[in-house]
């Protein structure tokens, strides 16, 4: 036998959004939390339809909710329902984000067009790089063993002065001095700053 259950009494309704907004206008955080629970989902849905980017949609939704918190006192009941007011804020904010993104893309395109660099000779650049590497190798050979090892560890392997000192078993002060002297000799050999 099936039993039919009838609900008696008033059915459960959502919170009165106007009342919540009035409380929010006076800084009631609990009221804001309750309003947030009701409107954040629909706001996110609307914003996501406009932006089509989940991460940006969440960001814009948070901006809208912050705007609701800040501007609750500006709500005018005679101009429409709270939900309509919030959704209008959301739509405007989402459209502003689309326009901003489009403007940024347009600026980037214009800047790229103005900064167009003529094609370069790839072969000449490779030859120049190879010659520079050979000159650096030749200059490294002119350093003392400790200078060369210190420079190689620090600049080619990314070791700190302390790590270089530990790896070579030499005091830190000695490494710093050898590095300085070695770099000066390299600079002179490479003709940097001449």
N, C-alpha and C. Protein backbone atom coordinates (compact mmCIF):
# COMPACT_ATOMS: atom_id res chain seq x y z
N UNK A 1 0.83 -1.16 0.00
CA UNK A 1 0.00 0.00 0.00
C UNK A 1 0.89 1.25 0.00
N UNK A 2 0.68 2.13 -0.94
CA UNK A 2 1.45 3.37 -1.05
C UNK A 2 0.84 4.44 -0.17
N UNK A 3 1.71 5.14 0.49
CA UNK A 3 1.26 6.21 1.36
C UNK A 3 1.64 7.54 0.72
N UNK A 4 0.72 8.43 0.66
CA UNK A 4 0.98 9.76 0.12
C UNK A 4 1.15 10.70 1.31
N UNK A 5 2.23 11.41 1.29
CA UNK A 5 2.49 12.35 2.37
C UNK A 5 2.15 13.75 1.88
N UNK A 6 1.34 14.44 2.61
CA UNK A 6 1.00 15.83 2.27
C UNK A 6 1.72 16.74 3.25
N UNK A 7 2.34 17.76 2.67
CA UNK A 7 3.00 18.75 3.54
C UNK A 7 1.95 19.74 3.99
N UNK A 8 1.89 19.95 5.25
CA UNK A 8 0.94 20.94 5.74
C UNK A 8 1.72 22.15 6.21
N UNK A 9 1.09 23.24 6.22
CA UNK A 9 1.75 24.46 6.65
C UNK A 9 2.46 25.12 5.48
N UNK A 10 3.12 26.26 5.73
CA UNK A 10 3.78 26.99 4.65
C UNK A 10 4.99 26.20 4.15
N UNK A 11 5.17 26.23 2.84
CA UNK A 11 6.33 25.56 2.27
C UNK A 11 7.57 26.43 2.52
N UNK A 12 8.70 25.78 2.61
CA UNK A 12 9.97 26.48 2.89
C UNK A 12 10.33 27.36 1.71
N UNK A 13 10.55 28.62 1.98
CA UNK A 13 10.96 29.56 0.95
C UNK A 13 12.38 30.01 1.23
N UNK A 14 13.00 30.58 0.21
CA UNK A 14 14.35 31.12 0.38
C UNK A 14 14.31 32.38 1.21
N UNK A 15 15.46 32.88 1.58
CA UNK A 15 15.52 34.09 2.40
C UNK A 15 15.02 35.30 1.61
N UNK A 16 14.56 36.29 2.32
CA UNK A 16 14.10 37.53 1.71
C UNK A 16 15.35 38.32 1.32
N UNK A 17 15.61 38.40 0.00
CA UNK A 17 16.84 39.02 -0.49
C UNK A 17 16.89 40.52 -0.19
N UNK A 18 15.73 41.19 -0.23
CA UNK A 18 15.72 42.62 0.08
C UNK A 18 16.14 42.85 1.54
N UNK A 19 15.61 42.02 2.40
CA UNK A 19 15.95 42.16 3.82
C UNK A 19 17.44 41.90 4.03
N UNK A 20 17.97 40.86 3.35
CA UNK A 20 19.40 40.57 3.47
C UNK A 20 20.25 41.73 2.95
N UNK A 21 19.84 42.29 1.82
CA UNK A 21 20.60 43.40 1.24
C UNK A 21 20.58 44.62 2.15
N UNK A 22 19.47 44.86 2.79
CA UNK A 22 19.38 45.97 3.74
C UNK A 22 20.37 45.75 4.89
N UNK A 23 20.43 44.53 5.40
CA UNK A 23 21.36 44.22 6.47
C UNK A 23 22.81 44.34 6.00
N UNK A 24 23.05 43.90 4.76
CA UNK A 24 24.41 43.99 4.20
C UNK A 24 24.84 45.45 4.11
N UNK A 25 23.91 46.33 3.76
CA UNK A 25 24.22 47.76 3.66
C UNK A 25 24.74 48.31 4.99
N UNK A 26 24.35 47.66 6.11
CA UNK A 26 24.82 48.07 7.43
C UNK A 26 26.00 47.21 7.91
N UNK A 27 26.59 46.42 6.98
CA UNK A 27 27.78 45.65 7.31
C UNK A 27 27.55 44.30 7.94
N UNK A 28 26.36 43.73 7.80
CA UNK A 28 26.05 42.43 8.39
C UNK A 28 26.68 41.31 7.55
N UNK A 29 27.74 40.73 8.07
CA UNK A 29 28.47 39.69 7.34
C UNK A 29 27.67 38.39 7.22
N UNK A 30 26.92 38.07 8.25
CA UNK A 30 26.10 36.85 8.19
C UNK A 30 25.06 36.96 7.08
N UNK A 31 24.45 38.13 6.96
CA UNK A 31 23.47 38.35 5.89
C UNK A 31 24.15 38.23 4.53
N UNK A 32 25.36 38.74 4.44
CA UNK A 32 26.09 38.62 3.17
C UNK A 32 26.35 37.15 2.84
N UNK A 33 26.73 36.37 3.83
CA UNK A 33 26.95 34.95 3.62
C UNK A 33 25.71 34.25 3.11
N UNK A 34 24.56 34.59 3.68
CA UNK A 34 23.30 33.98 3.24
C UNK A 34 22.95 34.42 1.82
N UNK A 35 23.14 35.71 1.51
CA UNK A 35 22.87 36.20 0.16
C UNK A 35 23.83 35.54 -0.83
N UNK A 36 25.07 35.43 -0.43
CA UNK A 36 26.09 34.80 -1.28
C UNK A 36 25.66 33.38 -1.66
N UNK A 37 25.20 32.63 -0.67
CA UNK A 37 24.76 31.26 -0.92
C UNK A 37 23.65 31.19 -1.97
N UNK A 38 22.79 32.19 -2.00
CA UNK A 38 21.66 32.19 -2.92
C UNK A 38 22.06 32.66 -4.32
N UNK A 39 22.87 33.72 -4.40
CA UNK A 39 23.10 34.35 -5.71
C UNK A 39 24.41 33.97 -6.41
N UNK A 40 25.39 33.45 -5.68
CA UNK A 40 26.71 33.18 -6.30
C UNK A 40 26.61 32.17 -7.44
N UNK A 41 25.80 31.13 -7.28
CA UNK A 41 25.66 30.12 -8.35
C UNK A 41 25.10 30.72 -9.63
N UNK A 42 23.95 31.41 -9.56
CA UNK A 42 23.42 32.03 -10.78
C UNK A 42 24.38 33.07 -11.39
N UNK A 43 25.07 33.83 -10.54
CA UNK A 43 26.04 34.81 -11.05
C UNK A 43 27.14 34.10 -11.81
N UNK A 44 27.69 33.04 -11.22
CA UNK A 44 28.75 32.29 -11.89
C UNK A 44 28.25 31.73 -13.22
N UNK A 45 27.04 31.21 -13.24
CA UNK A 45 26.48 30.68 -14.49
C UNK A 45 26.38 31.74 -15.57
N UNK A 46 25.88 32.91 -15.22
CA UNK A 46 25.76 33.99 -16.19
C UNK A 46 27.14 34.44 -16.69
N UNK A 47 28.05 34.64 -15.76
CA UNK A 47 29.39 35.11 -16.12
C UNK A 47 30.10 34.09 -17.00
N UNK A 48 29.94 32.81 -16.67
CA UNK A 48 30.59 31.76 -17.46
C UNK A 48 30.05 31.73 -18.89
N UNK A 49 28.75 31.99 -19.05
CA UNK A 49 28.17 32.03 -20.42
C UNK A 49 28.77 33.17 -21.23
N UNK A 50 29.09 34.27 -20.57
CA UNK A 50 29.66 35.43 -21.28
C UNK A 50 31.15 35.21 -21.54
N UNK A 51 31.89 34.77 -20.54
CA UNK A 51 33.35 34.68 -20.65
C UNK A 51 33.86 33.36 -21.24
N UNK A 52 33.16 32.27 -20.96
CA UNK A 52 33.56 30.94 -21.42
C UNK A 52 34.91 30.46 -20.88
N UNK A 53 35.40 31.10 -19.86
CA UNK A 53 36.66 30.71 -19.24
C UNK A 53 36.39 30.50 -17.75
N UNK A 54 36.49 29.25 -17.28
CA UNK A 54 36.14 28.96 -15.88
C UNK A 54 36.93 29.79 -14.86
N UNK A 55 38.24 29.92 -15.04
CA UNK A 55 39.04 30.64 -14.06
C UNK A 55 38.66 32.12 -14.03
N UNK A 56 38.53 32.73 -15.20
CA UNK A 56 38.13 34.14 -15.23
C UNK A 56 36.72 34.32 -14.70
N UNK A 57 35.87 33.34 -14.99
CA UNK A 57 34.48 33.43 -14.52
C UNK A 57 34.43 33.44 -13.00
N UNK A 58 35.23 32.60 -12.36
CA UNK A 58 35.26 32.58 -10.90
C UNK A 58 35.78 33.91 -10.36
N UNK A 59 36.81 34.44 -11.02
CA UNK A 59 37.38 35.72 -10.59
C UNK A 59 36.34 36.85 -10.70
N UNK A 60 35.65 36.90 -11.84
CA UNK A 60 34.65 37.95 -12.04
C UNK A 60 33.49 37.77 -11.06
N UNK A 61 33.11 36.53 -10.79
CA UNK A 61 32.04 36.28 -9.82
C UNK A 61 32.43 36.85 -8.45
N UNK A 62 33.67 36.64 -8.04
CA UNK A 62 34.12 37.19 -6.76
C UNK A 62 34.10 38.71 -6.79
N UNK A 63 34.48 39.30 -7.94
CA UNK A 63 34.44 40.76 -8.06
C UNK A 63 33.00 41.28 -7.93
N UNK A 64 32.07 40.56 -8.54
CA UNK A 64 30.65 40.95 -8.48
C UNK A 64 30.17 40.88 -7.03
N UNK A 65 30.50 39.80 -6.34
CA UNK A 65 30.04 39.65 -4.96
C UNK A 65 30.66 40.73 -4.07
N UNK A 66 31.90 41.09 -4.34
CA UNK A 66 32.52 42.18 -3.59
C UNK A 66 31.81 43.49 -3.88
N UNK A 67 31.42 43.69 -5.14
CA UNK A 67 30.67 44.89 -5.50
C UNK A 67 29.32 44.92 -4.79
N UNK A 68 28.66 43.78 -4.69
CA UNK A 68 27.39 43.71 -3.96
C UNK A 68 27.61 44.14 -2.51
N UNK A 69 28.68 43.64 -1.89
CA UNK A 69 28.98 43.99 -0.51
C UNK A 69 29.20 45.50 -0.36
N UNK A 70 29.97 46.06 -1.29
CA UNK A 70 30.32 47.48 -1.20
C UNK A 70 29.16 48.40 -1.54
N UNK A 71 28.29 47.98 -2.45
CA UNK A 71 27.26 48.90 -2.97
C UNK A 71 25.85 48.53 -2.55
N UNK A 72 25.70 47.69 -1.56
CA UNK A 72 24.36 47.24 -1.13
C UNK A 72 23.45 48.42 -0.81
N UNK A 73 24.00 49.49 -0.26
CA UNK A 73 23.19 50.65 0.12
C UNK A 73 22.63 51.37 -1.10
N UNK A 74 23.20 51.15 -2.27
CA UNK A 74 22.72 51.82 -3.49
C UNK A 74 21.52 51.12 -4.13
N UNK A 75 21.22 49.92 -3.68
CA UNK A 75 20.09 49.18 -4.26
C UNK A 75 18.80 49.96 -4.04
N UNK A 76 18.00 50.05 -5.12
CA UNK A 76 16.73 50.77 -5.06
C UNK A 76 15.61 49.78 -5.38
N UNK A 77 14.85 49.36 -4.37
CA UNK A 77 13.82 48.34 -4.56
C UNK A 77 12.80 48.68 -5.64
N UNK A 78 12.49 49.95 -5.79
CA UNK A 78 11.48 50.34 -6.79
C UNK A 78 11.96 50.11 -8.23
N UNK A 79 13.25 49.88 -8.40
CA UNK A 79 13.78 49.67 -9.76
C UNK A 79 13.87 48.20 -10.13
N UNK A 80 13.55 47.30 -9.22
CA UNK A 80 13.56 45.87 -9.55
C UNK A 80 13.97 45.01 -8.38
N UNK A 81 13.89 43.71 -8.62
CA UNK A 81 14.22 42.72 -7.59
C UNK A 81 15.73 42.67 -7.35
N UNK A 82 16.11 42.18 -6.18
CA UNK A 82 17.52 42.06 -5.80
C UNK A 82 18.26 41.16 -6.79
N UNK A 83 17.65 40.02 -7.13
CA UNK A 83 18.33 39.10 -8.03
C UNK A 83 18.59 39.76 -9.39
N UNK A 84 17.65 40.53 -9.88
CA UNK A 84 17.83 41.22 -11.16
C UNK A 84 18.97 42.24 -11.06
N UNK A 85 19.02 42.95 -9.93
CA UNK A 85 20.08 43.93 -9.71
C UNK A 85 21.45 43.26 -9.69
N UNK A 86 21.57 42.15 -8.96
CA UNK A 86 22.84 41.43 -8.87
C UNK A 86 23.24 40.88 -10.24
N UNK A 87 22.27 40.33 -10.96
CA UNK A 87 22.58 39.76 -12.28
C UNK A 87 22.99 40.86 -13.27
N UNK A 88 22.41 42.04 -13.13
CA UNK A 88 22.82 43.16 -13.98
C UNK A 88 24.26 43.55 -13.68
N UNK A 89 24.61 43.60 -12.40
CA UNK A 89 26.00 43.87 -12.03
C UNK A 89 26.93 42.82 -12.64
N UNK A 90 26.51 41.56 -12.55
CA UNK A 90 27.33 40.46 -13.06
C UNK A 90 27.51 40.57 -14.58
N UNK A 91 26.43 40.84 -15.28
CA UNK A 91 26.51 40.93 -16.74
C UNK A 91 27.42 42.09 -17.16
N UNK A 92 27.27 43.22 -16.51
CA UNK A 92 28.12 44.37 -16.83
C UNK A 92 29.59 44.07 -16.58
N UNK A 93 29.86 43.44 -15.44
CA UNK A 93 31.25 43.13 -15.10
C UNK A 93 31.85 42.13 -16.10
N UNK A 94 31.06 41.13 -16.50
CA UNK A 94 31.54 40.14 -17.47
C UNK A 94 31.80 40.78 -18.83
N UNK A 95 30.89 41.64 -19.27
CA UNK A 95 31.08 42.32 -20.56
C UNK A 95 32.30 43.23 -20.50
N UNK A 96 32.49 43.92 -19.36
CA UNK A 96 33.68 44.76 -19.20
C UNK A 96 34.95 43.93 -19.33
N UNK A 97 34.94 42.73 -18.75
CA UNK A 97 36.13 41.85 -18.83
C UNK A 97 36.39 41.45 -20.27
N UNK A 98 35.34 41.13 -21.02
CA UNK A 98 35.51 40.76 -22.44
C UNK A 98 36.09 41.94 -23.21
N UNK A 99 35.54 43.12 -22.99
CA UNK A 99 36.03 44.32 -23.69
C UNK A 99 37.48 44.60 -23.33
N UNK A 100 37.82 44.46 -22.06
CA UNK A 100 39.19 44.69 -21.61
C UNK A 100 40.15 43.71 -22.26
N UNK A 101 39.75 42.45 -22.31
CA UNK A 101 40.60 41.43 -22.94
C UNK A 101 40.78 41.73 -24.43
N UNK A 102 39.71 42.15 -25.08
CA UNK A 102 39.78 42.47 -26.51
C UNK A 102 40.69 43.67 -26.74
N UNK A 103 40.57 44.69 -25.89
CA UNK A 103 41.41 45.87 -26.02
C UNK A 103 42.88 45.51 -25.82
N UNK A 104 43.16 44.65 -24.85
CA UNK A 104 44.55 44.23 -24.60
C UNK A 104 45.09 43.46 -25.80
N UNK A 105 44.27 42.58 -26.36
CA UNK A 105 44.71 41.81 -27.54
C UNK A 105 44.97 42.75 -28.71
N UNK A 106 44.11 43.75 -28.89
CA UNK A 106 44.31 44.73 -29.97
C UNK A 106 45.60 45.51 -29.76
N UNK A 107 45.87 45.93 -28.51
CA UNK A 107 47.11 46.66 -28.21
C UNK A 107 48.32 45.79 -28.51
N UNK A 108 48.26 44.52 -28.11
CA UNK A 108 49.37 43.60 -28.36
C UNK A 108 49.62 43.44 -29.85
N UNK A 109 48.53 43.31 -30.62
CA UNK A 109 48.68 43.17 -32.08
C UNK A 109 49.31 44.41 -32.70
N UNK A 110 48.85 45.59 -32.23
CA UNK A 110 49.42 46.83 -32.77
C UNK A 110 50.90 46.95 -32.40
N UNK A 111 51.22 46.62 -31.15
CA UNK A 111 52.62 46.71 -30.71
C UNK A 111 53.49 45.73 -31.48
N UNK A 112 52.98 44.54 -31.74
CA UNK A 112 53.74 43.55 -32.50
C UNK A 112 53.95 44.02 -33.93
N UNK A 113 52.94 44.64 -34.50
CA UNK A 113 53.07 45.12 -35.88
C UNK A 113 54.09 46.25 -35.95
N UNK A 114 54.11 47.13 -34.94
CA UNK A 114 55.05 48.24 -34.94
C UNK A 114 56.47 47.78 -34.64
N UNK A 115 56.59 46.74 -33.86
CA UNK A 115 57.91 46.26 -33.46
C UNK A 115 58.41 45.14 -34.36
N UNK A 116 57.85 45.05 -35.54
CA UNK A 116 58.25 43.97 -36.45
C UNK A 116 59.75 44.06 -36.72
N UNK A 117 60.44 43.01 -36.40
CA UNK A 117 61.89 42.95 -36.59
C UNK A 117 62.16 42.25 -37.91
N UNK A 118 62.99 42.86 -38.74
CA UNK A 118 63.28 42.20 -40.01
C UNK A 118 63.97 40.86 -39.77
N UNK A 119 63.78 39.97 -40.69
CA UNK A 119 64.39 38.63 -40.60
C UNK A 119 65.91 38.78 -40.52
N UNK A 120 66.55 37.89 -39.80
CA UNK A 120 67.99 37.94 -39.67
C UNK A 120 68.61 36.72 -40.35
N UNK A 121 69.87 36.83 -40.55
CA UNK A 121 70.59 35.74 -41.20
C UNK A 121 70.95 34.71 -40.14
N UNK A 122 70.20 33.63 -40.12
CA UNK A 122 70.39 32.60 -39.10
C UNK A 122 71.77 31.97 -39.16
N UNK A 123 72.28 31.75 -40.35
CA UNK A 123 73.61 31.13 -40.50
C UNK A 123 74.68 32.05 -39.91
N UNK A 124 74.59 33.34 -40.20
CA UNK A 124 75.58 34.28 -39.68
C UNK A 124 75.54 34.30 -38.16
N UNK A 125 74.33 34.24 -37.58
CA UNK A 125 74.22 34.23 -36.12
C UNK A 125 74.84 32.97 -35.53
N UNK A 126 74.62 31.82 -36.16
CA UNK A 126 75.20 30.57 -35.66
C UNK A 126 76.72 30.62 -35.72
N UNK A 127 77.26 31.15 -36.80
CA UNK A 127 78.72 31.26 -36.94
C UNK A 127 79.27 32.19 -35.86
N UNK A 128 78.59 33.32 -35.64
CA UNK A 128 79.04 34.27 -34.63
C UNK A 128 79.02 33.64 -33.24
N UNK A 129 77.94 32.89 -32.93
CA UNK A 129 77.85 32.21 -31.63
C UNK A 129 78.97 31.20 -31.46
N UNK A 130 79.27 30.46 -32.51
CA UNK A 130 80.33 29.45 -32.45
C UNK A 130 81.68 30.11 -32.22
N UNK A 131 81.93 31.24 -32.91
CA UNK A 131 83.19 31.96 -32.72
C UNK A 131 83.31 32.50 -31.29
N UNK A 132 82.21 33.01 -30.75
CA UNK A 132 82.22 33.51 -29.38
C UNK A 132 82.52 32.38 -28.40
N UNK A 133 81.91 31.21 -28.60
CA UNK A 133 82.18 30.06 -27.72
C UNK A 133 83.65 29.66 -27.78
N UNK A 134 84.21 29.64 -28.98
CA UNK A 134 85.62 29.28 -29.14
C UNK A 134 86.52 30.28 -28.42
N UNK A 135 86.19 31.57 -28.53
CA UNK A 135 86.99 32.59 -27.88
C UNK A 135 86.90 32.43 -26.36
N UNK A 136 85.72 32.13 -25.84
CA UNK A 136 85.56 31.92 -24.39
C UNK A 136 86.39 30.71 -23.96
N UNK A 137 86.34 29.63 -24.72
CA UNK A 137 87.15 28.43 -24.37
C UNK A 137 88.63 28.77 -24.35
N UNK A 138 89.08 29.51 -25.36
CA UNK A 138 90.51 29.88 -25.45
C UNK A 138 90.89 30.73 -24.24
N UNK A 139 90.01 31.68 -23.86
CA UNK A 139 90.32 32.54 -22.72
C UNK A 139 90.28 31.77 -21.40
N UNK A 140 89.37 30.80 -21.28
CA UNK A 140 89.32 29.98 -20.06
C UNK A 140 90.62 29.21 -19.87
N UNK A 141 91.25 28.80 -20.96
CA UNK A 141 92.50 28.03 -20.87
C UNK A 141 93.63 28.89 -20.32
N UNK A 142 93.49 30.22 -20.40
CA UNK A 142 94.54 31.13 -19.93
C UNK A 142 94.46 31.35 -18.42
N UNK A 143 93.40 30.86 -17.77
CA UNK A 143 93.24 31.03 -16.33
C UNK A 143 94.01 29.96 -15.58
N UNK A 144 94.25 30.22 -14.29
CA UNK A 144 94.86 29.16 -13.47
C UNK A 144 93.82 28.06 -13.29
N UNK A 145 94.27 26.89 -12.86
CA UNK A 145 93.34 25.77 -12.68
C UNK A 145 92.22 26.14 -11.70
N UNK A 146 92.56 26.76 -10.57
CA UNK A 146 91.56 27.11 -9.56
C UNK A 146 90.58 28.16 -10.11
N UNK A 147 91.09 29.14 -10.85
CA UNK A 147 90.22 30.14 -11.45
C UNK A 147 89.25 29.49 -12.44
N UNK A 148 89.79 28.65 -13.32
CA UNK A 148 88.99 27.99 -14.35
C UNK A 148 87.92 27.10 -13.71
N UNK A 149 88.32 26.29 -12.73
CA UNK A 149 87.36 25.40 -12.07
C UNK A 149 86.27 26.21 -11.35
N UNK A 150 86.68 27.30 -10.69
CA UNK A 150 85.72 28.14 -9.96
C UNK A 150 84.72 28.77 -10.92
N UNK A 151 85.22 29.35 -12.01
CA UNK A 151 84.35 30.00 -12.99
C UNK A 151 83.42 28.97 -13.63
N UNK A 152 83.96 27.82 -13.96
CA UNK A 152 83.15 26.77 -14.60
C UNK A 152 82.03 26.31 -13.67
N UNK A 153 82.35 26.05 -12.41
CA UNK A 153 81.33 25.61 -11.46
C UNK A 153 80.27 26.69 -11.23
N UNK A 154 80.72 27.92 -11.09
CA UNK A 154 79.77 28.99 -10.77
C UNK A 154 78.92 29.39 -11.97
N UNK A 155 79.52 29.52 -13.14
CA UNK A 155 78.79 30.08 -14.28
C UNK A 155 78.23 29.05 -15.24
N UNK A 156 78.82 27.89 -15.30
CA UNK A 156 78.31 26.88 -16.23
C UNK A 156 77.49 25.81 -15.53
N UNK A 157 77.74 25.61 -14.24
CA UNK A 157 76.97 24.60 -13.51
C UNK A 157 76.03 25.23 -12.49
N UNK A 158 76.08 26.54 -12.32
CA UNK A 158 75.15 27.25 -11.44
C UNK A 158 75.40 27.09 -9.96
N UNK A 159 76.62 26.75 -9.56
CA UNK A 159 76.93 26.58 -8.14
C UNK A 159 77.15 27.95 -7.49
N UNK A 160 76.81 28.04 -6.21
CA UNK A 160 77.08 29.27 -5.46
C UNK A 160 78.56 29.29 -5.09
N UNK A 161 79.02 30.43 -4.61
CA UNK A 161 80.42 30.51 -4.17
C UNK A 161 80.69 29.48 -3.08
N UNK A 162 79.76 29.37 -2.13
CA UNK A 162 79.93 28.43 -1.03
C UNK A 162 80.01 26.99 -1.55
N UNK A 163 79.11 26.63 -2.48
CA UNK A 163 79.13 25.28 -3.05
C UNK A 163 80.43 25.04 -3.80
N UNK A 164 80.89 26.04 -4.53
CA UNK A 164 82.15 25.92 -5.29
C UNK A 164 83.30 25.69 -4.32
N UNK A 165 83.33 26.45 -3.23
CA UNK A 165 84.39 26.30 -2.23
C UNK A 165 84.38 24.90 -1.64
N UNK A 166 83.19 24.38 -1.32
CA UNK A 166 83.09 23.04 -0.74
C UNK A 166 83.51 21.98 -1.74
N UNK A 167 83.11 22.13 -3.00
CA UNK A 167 83.45 21.13 -4.02
C UNK A 167 84.95 21.09 -4.29
N UNK A 168 85.58 22.25 -4.22
CA UNK A 168 87.02 22.31 -4.51
C UNK A 168 87.87 22.19 -3.24
N UNK A 169 87.22 22.16 -2.09
CA UNK A 169 87.95 22.02 -0.83
C UNK A 169 88.84 23.23 -0.54
N UNK A 170 88.35 24.41 -0.85
CA UNK A 170 89.12 25.64 -0.69
C UNK A 170 88.29 26.61 0.15
N UNK A 171 88.91 27.44 0.96
CA UNK A 171 88.16 28.42 1.75
C UNK A 171 87.33 29.35 0.85
N UNK A 172 86.20 29.79 1.38
CA UNK A 172 85.28 30.65 0.63
C UNK A 172 85.96 31.93 0.18
N UNK A 173 86.74 32.56 1.04
CA UNK A 173 87.44 33.80 0.69
C UNK A 173 88.37 33.61 -0.50
N UNK A 174 89.05 32.45 -0.54
CA UNK A 174 89.96 32.15 -1.65
C UNK A 174 89.18 32.03 -2.96
N UNK A 175 88.02 31.37 -2.89
CA UNK A 175 87.18 31.20 -4.09
C UNK A 175 86.74 32.56 -4.61
N UNK A 176 86.31 33.42 -3.70
CA UNK A 176 85.85 34.75 -4.12
C UNK A 176 86.98 35.53 -4.80
N UNK A 177 88.17 35.46 -4.22
CA UNK A 177 89.32 36.16 -4.80
C UNK A 177 89.67 35.58 -6.16
N UNK A 178 89.72 34.25 -6.27
CA UNK A 178 90.07 33.60 -7.54
C UNK A 178 89.02 33.89 -8.61
N UNK A 179 87.75 33.91 -8.18
CA UNK A 179 86.68 34.21 -9.13
C UNK A 179 86.84 35.64 -9.65
N UNK A 180 87.06 36.58 -8.75
CA UNK A 180 87.22 37.98 -9.16
C UNK A 180 88.39 38.12 -10.12
N UNK A 181 89.55 37.54 -9.75
CA UNK A 181 90.73 37.64 -10.61
C UNK A 181 90.49 36.94 -11.95
N UNK A 182 89.84 35.78 -11.89
CA UNK A 182 89.56 35.03 -13.13
C UNK A 182 88.63 35.79 -14.05
N UNK A 183 87.60 36.41 -13.48
CA UNK A 183 86.66 37.17 -14.31
C UNK A 183 87.32 38.40 -14.92
N UNK A 184 88.23 39.02 -14.18
CA UNK A 184 88.96 40.17 -14.73
C UNK A 184 89.81 39.72 -15.90
N UNK A 185 90.49 38.59 -15.73
CA UNK A 185 91.34 38.07 -16.83
C UNK A 185 90.49 37.69 -18.03
N UNK A 186 89.32 37.07 -17.78
CA UNK A 186 88.41 36.73 -18.89
C UNK A 186 87.93 37.98 -19.61
N UNK A 187 87.56 38.99 -18.85
CA UNK A 187 87.08 40.24 -19.45
C UNK A 187 88.16 40.85 -20.34
N UNK A 188 89.39 40.87 -19.82
CA UNK A 188 90.50 41.43 -20.61
C UNK A 188 90.75 40.61 -21.86
N UNK A 189 90.73 39.29 -21.72
CA UNK A 189 90.99 38.40 -22.86
C UNK A 189 89.90 38.54 -23.93
N UNK A 190 88.65 38.67 -23.49
CA UNK A 190 87.53 38.76 -24.44
C UNK A 190 87.37 40.17 -25.01
N UNK A 191 88.07 41.13 -24.42
CA UNK A 191 87.98 42.50 -24.90
C UNK A 191 86.69 43.18 -24.53
N UNK A 192 86.05 42.71 -23.45
CA UNK A 192 84.78 43.30 -23.01
C UNK A 192 85.09 44.64 -22.35
N UNK A 193 84.32 45.64 -22.72
CA UNK A 193 84.49 46.95 -22.12
C UNK A 193 85.61 47.75 -22.75
N UNK A 194 86.24 47.23 -23.81
CA UNK A 194 87.31 47.98 -24.47
C UNK A 194 86.74 48.96 -25.45
